């Protein structure tokens, strides 16, 4: 199988070099270019046509939301290219903005966790084939935020259902959730059915659609029309 071809964009030299070393240690990932700004990222993508971009959310020129803006642009200019954003922040607004135009081929990883080679590599491999990856800590933050709301339907979920929901929102399929929680895939399927019923969410077969629906709901936004 051909390696996943990657371009990274990160203005911090220390973080950038750390990511470079991590990726170079993965046999199935090929690093094409390392950039320090949004303009450099655009040039590198146009020049190399990577399978996946790994980008900081904040970088020059404005240090605001360049990674999210780049992801939106690439959705139009390079629709089959995956994007993984790196962030210091567990932010509802960043997560929802990043996934606003769809979760397929998109990953959200916290910088605190990028020293975990397997986690970053998994995110890259997942988005390269059109999947979605959301850091567990981001999902947990959204769950906590949602449970603070008055009369939240989340409060009706059992402890096990919350575990399944968190795993589901990372993009894991039933088999992966079952392995993670030490239960059967059939049990996961039953829990999923109950979760969607309690949260009034459409249990669509498309995983990315489910992740989007769960994220929007957990962040406290209306789920209608998702």
Protein backbone atom coordinates (compact mmCIF):
# COMPACT_ATOMS: atom_id res chain seq x y z
CA UNK A 1 0.00 0.00 0.00
CA UNK A 2 1.34 3.44 -0.94
CA UNK A 3 2.26 5.70 2.00
CA UNK A 4 -0.02 8.59 2.97
CA UNK A 5 1.53 11.78 1.59
CA UNK A 6 1.43 14.63 4.12
CA UNK A 7 2.10 18.38 4.29
CA UNK A 8 2.27 20.01 7.72
CA UNK A 9 1.78 23.67 8.71
CA UNK A 10 2.82 24.87 12.17
CA UNK A 11 4.45 28.20 13.05
CA UNK A 12 6.09 26.97 16.26
CA UNK A 13 9.50 25.55 15.31
CA UNK A 14 9.56 23.24 18.31
CA UNK A 15 6.11 21.78 17.62
CA UNK A 16 6.77 21.61 13.87
CA UNK A 17 10.01 19.69 14.32
CA UNK A 18 8.33 17.38 16.82
CA UNK A 19 5.59 16.54 14.32
CA UNK A 20 8.20 16.09 11.57
CA UNK A 21 10.11 13.55 13.65
CA UNK A 22 6.92 11.69 14.58
CA UNK A 23 5.81 11.40 10.97
CA UNK A 24 9.23 10.34 9.74
CA UNK A 25 9.16 7.44 12.18
CA UNK A 26 5.99 6.06 10.54
CA UNK A 27 6.75 3.78 7.61
CA UNK A 28 3.38 4.35 5.95
CA UNK A 29 3.49 8.18 6.06
CA UNK A 30 5.56 10.30 3.67
CA UNK A 31 6.30 13.90 4.66
CA UNK A 32 6.32 16.18 1.62
CA UNK A 33 6.76 19.65 3.15
CA UNK A 34 6.72 21.54 6.47
CA UNK A 35 5.35 25.10 6.48
CA UNK A 36 5.17 27.96 8.97
CA UNK A 37 2.33 30.12 7.60
CA UNK A 38 -0.98 29.98 5.77
CA UNK A 39 0.47 31.25 2.49
CA UNK A 40 3.25 28.65 2.62
CA UNK A 41 0.63 25.97 3.22
CA UNK A 42 -1.38 27.01 0.18
CA UNK A 43 1.76 26.96 -1.98
CA UNK A 44 2.84 23.55 -0.68
CA UNK A 45 -0.56 22.00 -1.30
CA UNK A 46 -0.67 23.38 -4.83
CA UNK A 47 2.87 22.11 -5.50
CA UNK A 48 2.68 18.65 -3.92
CA UNK A 49 -1.00 17.67 -3.94
CA UNK A 50 -0.80 15.73 -0.62
CA UNK A 51 -3.27 13.16 0.63
CA UNK A 52 -3.50 14.87 4.03
CA UNK A 53 -2.67 18.28 5.52
CA UNK A 54 -1.80 18.53 9.21
CA UNK A 55 -2.21 22.17 10.26
CA UNK A 56 -2.24 24.36 13.32
CA UNK A 57 -5.50 26.23 13.87
CA UNK A 58 -3.69 29.50 14.63
CA UNK A 59 -0.66 30.64 12.61
CA UNK A 60 0.55 33.63 10.56
CA UNK A 61 -0.58 35.97 9.21
CA UNK A 62 -3.31 36.68 11.81
CA UNK A 63 -2.98 33.90 14.43
CA UNK A 64 -6.76 33.48 14.54
CA UNK A 65 -8.39 30.61 12.63
CA UNK A 66 -6.09 30.05 9.64
CA UNK A 67 -6.29 26.26 9.88
CA UNK A 68 -10.07 26.30 9.74
CA UNK A 69 -10.04 28.74 6.81
CA UNK A 70 -7.59 26.51 4.99
CA UNK A 71 -9.78 23.45 5.58
CA UNK A 72 -12.80 25.27 4.13
CA UNK A 73 -10.80 26.31 1.07
CA UNK A 74 -9.43 22.81 0.54
CA UNK A 75 -12.94 21.37 0.71
CA UNK A 76 -13.54 23.24 -2.56
CA UNK A 77 -10.12 23.11 -4.21
CA UNK A 78 -8.98 19.64 -3.04
CA UNK A 79 -12.18 17.83 -2.00
CA UNK A 80 -10.53 14.42 -1.61
CA UNK A 81 -7.69 15.67 0.60
CA UNK A 82 -7.91 15.04 4.35
CA UNK A 83 -7.19 17.73 6.93
CA UNK A 84 -6.12 17.24 10.56
CA UNK A 85 -6.07 20.40 12.69
CA UNK A 86 -3.88 20.73 15.76
CA UNK A 87 -4.99 22.94 18.62
CA UNK A 88 -3.97 23.89 22.15
CA UNK A 89 -7.63 24.51 22.88
CA UNK A 90 -10.59 22.28 23.71
CA UNK A 91 -12.96 24.71 22.01
CA UNK A 92 -16.59 24.09 21.10
CA UNK A 93 -16.55 26.97 18.61
CA UNK A 94 -13.40 25.75 16.88
CA UNK A 95 -14.66 22.18 16.66
CA UNK A 96 -18.05 23.16 15.27
CA UNK A 97 -16.55 25.64 12.81
CA UNK A 98 -14.07 23.04 11.58
CA UNK A 99 -16.74 20.39 11.01
CA UNK A 100 -19.35 22.85 9.72
CA UNK A 101 -18.98 21.77 6.09
CA UNK A 102 -18.85 18.07 6.87
CA UNK A 103 -16.85 15.64 8.99
CA UNK A 104 -15.59 13.34 6.25
CA UNK A 105 -11.85 13.62 5.80
CA UNK A 106 -11.46 15.80 8.88
CA UNK A 107 -9.62 15.28 12.18
CA UNK A 108 -9.21 17.38 15.34
CA UNK A 109 -6.24 16.56 17.61
CA UNK A 110 -5.02 18.42 20.72
CA UNK A 111 -1.36 19.41 20.76
CA UNK A 112 -1.06 17.96 24.25
CA UNK A 113 -1.54 14.55 22.62
CA UNK A 114 0.65 14.80 19.54
CA UNK A 115 3.57 13.17 21.35
CA UNK A 116 1.44 10.05 21.06
CA UNK A 117 2.66 8.80 17.68
CA UNK A 118 -0.15 6.28 17.32
CA UNK A 119 -2.86 8.91 17.92
CA UNK A 120 -1.58 11.37 15.31
CA UNK A 121 -0.80 8.63 12.80
CA UNK A 122 -4.28 7.14 13.32
CA UNK A 123 -5.88 10.54 12.70
CA UNK A 124 -3.87 10.94 9.48
CA UNK A 125 -4.70 7.46 8.21
CA UNK A 126 -8.37 7.90 9.09
CA UNK A 127 -8.90 11.19 7.26
CA UNK A 128 -6.83 9.98 4.30
CA UNK A 129 -9.60 7.49 3.47
CA UNK A 130 -12.43 9.95 4.13
CA UNK A 131 -13.09 9.15 7.78
CA UNK A 132 -13.25 11.50 10.75
CA UNK A 133 -11.19 11.64 13.94
CA UNK A 134 -11.97 13.71 17.03
CA UNK A 135 -9.71 13.76 20.07
CA UNK A 136 -11.35 12.07 23.05
CA UNK A 137 -10.70 15.12 25.24
CA UNK A 138 -12.65 17.34 22.83
CA UNK A 139 -15.60 14.96 22.95
CA UNK A 140 -15.44 14.81 26.75
CA UNK A 141 -15.41 18.62 26.96
CA UNK A 142 -18.48 18.83 24.76
CA UNK A 143 -20.23 16.20 26.86
CA UNK A 144 -19.47 18.12 30.06
CA UNK A 145 -20.66 21.37 28.52
CA UNK A 146 -23.88 19.78 27.38
CA UNK A 147 -24.59 18.17 30.75
CA UNK A 148 -24.41 21.60 32.39
CA UNK A 149 -27.42 22.76 30.40
CA UNK A 150 -30.78 22.76 32.12
CA UNK A 151 -33.04 19.81 31.27
CA UNK A 152 -30.41 18.31 28.96
CA UNK A 153 -31.46 14.99 27.41
CA UNK A 154 -27.87 13.91 28.03
CA UNK A 155 -28.87 13.51 31.67
CA UNK A 156 -31.16 10.67 30.63
CA UNK A 157 -28.23 8.60 29.35
CA UNK A 158 -26.73 5.88 31.49
CA UNK A 159 -23.01 5.78 32.28
CA UNK A 160 -22.51 3.09 29.64
CA UNK A 161 -24.49 5.05 27.06
CA UNK A 162 -22.29 8.09 27.72
CA UNK A 163 -19.21 5.94 27.10
CA UNK A 164 -20.66 4.67 23.84
CA UNK A 165 -21.65 8.21 22.81
CA UNK A 166 -18.14 9.54 23.45
CA UNK A 167 -16.60 6.72 21.44
CA UNK A 168 -19.16 7.14 18.67
CA UNK A 169 -18.35 10.83 18.35
CA UNK A 170 -14.69 10.02 17.68
CA UNK A 171 -15.78 8.20 14.53
CA UNK A 172 -15.27 4.69 15.90
CA UNK A 173 -17.47 1.98 14.39
CA UNK A 174 -19.41 -0.53 16.50
CA UNK A 175 -16.64 -3.12 16.43
CA UNK A 176 -14.03 -0.60 17.60
CA UNK A 177 -16.34 0.68 20.36
CA UNK A 178 -17.01 -2.88 21.51
CA UNK A 179 -13.29 -3.62 21.73
CA UNK A 180 -12.61 -0.36 23.57
CA UNK A 181 -15.35 -0.94 26.16
CA UNK A 182 -15.01 -4.70 26.45
CA UNK A 183 -18.56 -5.48 25.34
CA UNK A 184 -20.10 -7.16 22.30
CA UNK A 185 -20.79 -5.36 19.02
CA UNK A 186 -24.45 -6.34 19.43
CA UNK A 187 -24.54 -4.54 22.79
CA UNK A 188 -23.02 -1.46 21.17
CA UNK A 189 -25.71 -1.55 18.49
CA UNK A 190 -28.44 -1.71 21.14
CA UNK A 191 -26.89 1.16 23.12
CA UNK A 192 -26.58 3.24 19.94
CA UNK A 193 -30.24 2.74 19.13
CA UNK A 194 -31.24 3.86 22.62
CA UNK A 195 -28.90 6.87 22.50
CA UNK A 196 -30.32 8.18 19.26
CA UNK A 197 -33.85 7.65 20.52
CA UNK A 198 -33.18 9.54 23.76
CA UNK A 199 -31.44 12.40 21.95
CA UNK A 200 -33.99 12.54 19.13
CA UNK A 201 -31.22 12.08 16.55
CA UNK A 202 -31.59 10.34 13.23
CA UNK A 203 -29.62 7.10 13.48
CA UNK A 204 -28.31 7.37 9.92
CA UNK A 205 -25.96 4.68 8.68
CA UNK A 206 -23.37 7.22 7.57
CA UNK A 207 -20.76 7.53 10.34
CA UNK A 208 -19.73 11.07 9.43
CA UNK A 209 -23.33 12.26 9.56
CA UNK A 210 -23.70 10.69 13.00
CA UNK A 211 -20.53 12.36 14.26
CA UNK A 212 -21.76 15.73 13.00
CA UNK A 213 -25.15 15.28 14.65
CA UNK A 214 -23.63 14.24 17.97
CA UNK A 215 -21.13 17.12 17.96
CA UNK A 216 -23.79 19.71 17.22
CA UNK A 217 -26.09 18.32 19.87
CA UNK A 218 -23.39 18.12 22.54
CA UNK A 219 -22.38 21.72 21.90
CA UNK A 220 -25.90 22.85 22.65
CA UNK A 221 -27.04 23.66 19.12
CA UNK A 222 -30.29 22.62 17.48
CA UNK A 223 -30.04 19.25 15.73
CA UNK A 224 -32.89 19.72 13.31
CA UNK A 225 -31.80 19.53 9.71
CA UNK A 226 -28.32 18.14 10.47
